[in-house]
Amino acid sequence: MANSKTAIKRVRVHERNRIRTQALKSRLKTMVKKFDIALESSDVEATKASLSIAYKELDKAVTKGIIKKNTASRKKSRLATKFNNMQNA
């Protein structure tokens, strides 16, 4: 357990930040899952809309420092590949 006032405050701040990060990561995963569900439905417009939302959430996560830039880029690339494969099929 923390002994000083500063250490106690740092514990509180860390917990608050952990909860915020956890919520943002969860939201990010949800948006990617919604894209996958739209992809399975074979509805091009719905899939395109969910792809746009997923891109926006990935960019927002990078801005807030939740994930790294290259990780977001890799995920966006994989989503785009899935979308293009669906369109071509």
Protein backbone atom coordinates (compact mmCIF):
# COMPACT_ATOMS: atom_id res chain seq x y z
CA MET A 1 0.00 0.00 0.00
CA ALA A 2 1.15 3.54 -0.73
CA ASN A 3 2.68 5.44 2.19
CA SER A 4 2.83 9.08 1.13
CA LYS A 5 0.12 11.44 -0.07
CA THR A 6 1.75 11.63 -3.48
CA ALA A 7 1.88 7.86 -3.81
CA ILE A 8 -1.77 7.56 -2.80
CA LYS A 9 -2.72 10.13 -5.43
CA ARG A 10 -0.67 8.32 -8.09
CA VAL A 11 -2.57 5.11 -7.29
CA ARG A 12 -5.88 6.94 -7.77
CA VAL A 13 -4.72 8.53 -11.03
CA HIS A 14 -3.39 5.22 -12.35
CA GLU A 15 -6.68 3.47 -11.59
CA ARG A 16 -8.68 6.23 -13.31
CA ASN A 17 -6.45 6.04 -16.40
CA ARG A 18 -6.60 2.22 -16.43
CA ILE A 19 -10.39 2.27 -16.46
CA ARG A 20 -10.44 4.88 -19.25
CA THR A 21 -7.98 2.86 -21.35
CA GLN A 22 -9.93 -0.33 -20.77
CA ALA A 23 -13.17 1.34 -21.91
CA LEU A 24 -11.57 2.77 -25.07
CA LYS A 25 -9.98 -0.58 -25.99
CA SER A 26 -13.30 -2.31 -25.46
CA ARG A 27 -15.07 0.22 -27.70
CA LEU A 28 -12.41 -0.27 -30.37
CA LYS A 29 -12.86 -4.04 -30.33
CA THR A 30 -16.64 -3.63 -30.50
CA MET A 31 -16.42 -1.47 -33.60
CA VAL A 32 -14.14 -3.99 -35.32
CA LYS A 33 -16.57 -6.80 -34.42
CA LYS A 34 -19.46 -4.76 -35.85
CA PHE A 35 -17.47 -4.46 -39.07
CA ASP A 36 -17.02 -8.24 -39.15
CA ILE A 37 -20.76 -8.77 -38.63
CA ALA A 38 -21.56 -6.31 -41.43
CA LEU A 39 -19.01 -8.11 -43.61
CA GLU A 40 -20.80 -11.43 -43.13
CA SER A 41 -24.15 -9.87 -44.08
CA SER A 42 -22.72 -9.04 -47.56
CA ASP A 43 -24.38 -5.60 -47.50
CA VAL A 44 -21.82 -3.32 -49.17
CA GLU A 45 -23.25 -0.03 -47.86
CA ALA A 46 -23.51 -1.22 -44.25
CA THR A 47 -20.03 -2.68 -44.42
CA LYS A 48 -18.61 0.54 -45.88
CA ALA A 49 -20.26 2.57 -43.09
CA SER A 50 -18.94 0.27 -40.36
CA LEU A 51 -15.48 0.33 -41.96
CA SER A 52 -15.51 4.11 -41.77
CA ILE A 53 -16.53 4.00 -38.11
CA ALA A 54 -13.82 1.44 -37.34
CA TYR A 55 -11.21 3.65 -39.04
CA LYS A 56 -12.36 6.62 -36.99
CA GLU A 57 -12.16 4.66 -33.73
CA LEU A 58 -8.66 3.37 -34.59
CA ASP A 59 -7.45 6.90 -35.33
CA LYS A 60 -9.01 8.17 -32.11
CA ALA A 61 -7.26 5.42 -30.12
CA VAL A 62 -3.92 6.46 -31.63
CA THR A 63 -4.56 10.10 -30.75
CA LYS A 64 -5.33 9.18 -27.15
CA GLY A 65 -2.29 6.92 -26.89
CA ILE A 66 -4.26 3.70 -26.44
CA ILE A 67 -2.58 1.90 -29.34
CA LYS A 68 0.46 2.70 -31.42
CA LYS A 69 0.30 4.24 -34.88
CA ASN A 70 1.69 1.18 -36.67
CA THR A 71 -0.76 -1.11 -34.87
CA ALA A 72 -3.68 1.02 -36.05
CA SER A 73 -2.26 1.10 -39.56
CA ARG A 74 -1.93 -2.70 -39.61
CA LYS A 75 -5.48 -3.18 -38.34
CA LYS A 76 -6.88 -0.71 -40.87
CA SER A 77 -5.00 -2.47 -43.65
CA ARG A 78 -6.45 -5.83 -42.63
CA LEU A 79 -9.97 -4.41 -42.47
CA ALA A 80 -9.54 -2.85 -45.92
CA THR A 81 -8.28 -6.16 -47.33
CA LYS A 82 -11.35 -7.98 -45.96
CA PHE A 83 -13.62 -5.31 -47.42
CA ASN A 84 -11.97 -5.46 -50.84
CA ASN A 85 -12.14 -9.25 -50.88
CA MET A 86 -15.86 -9.06 -50.12
CA GLN A 87 -16.43 -6.58 -52.95
CA ASN A 88 -14.50 -8.69 -55.44
CA ALA A 89 -16.20 -11.94 -54.45
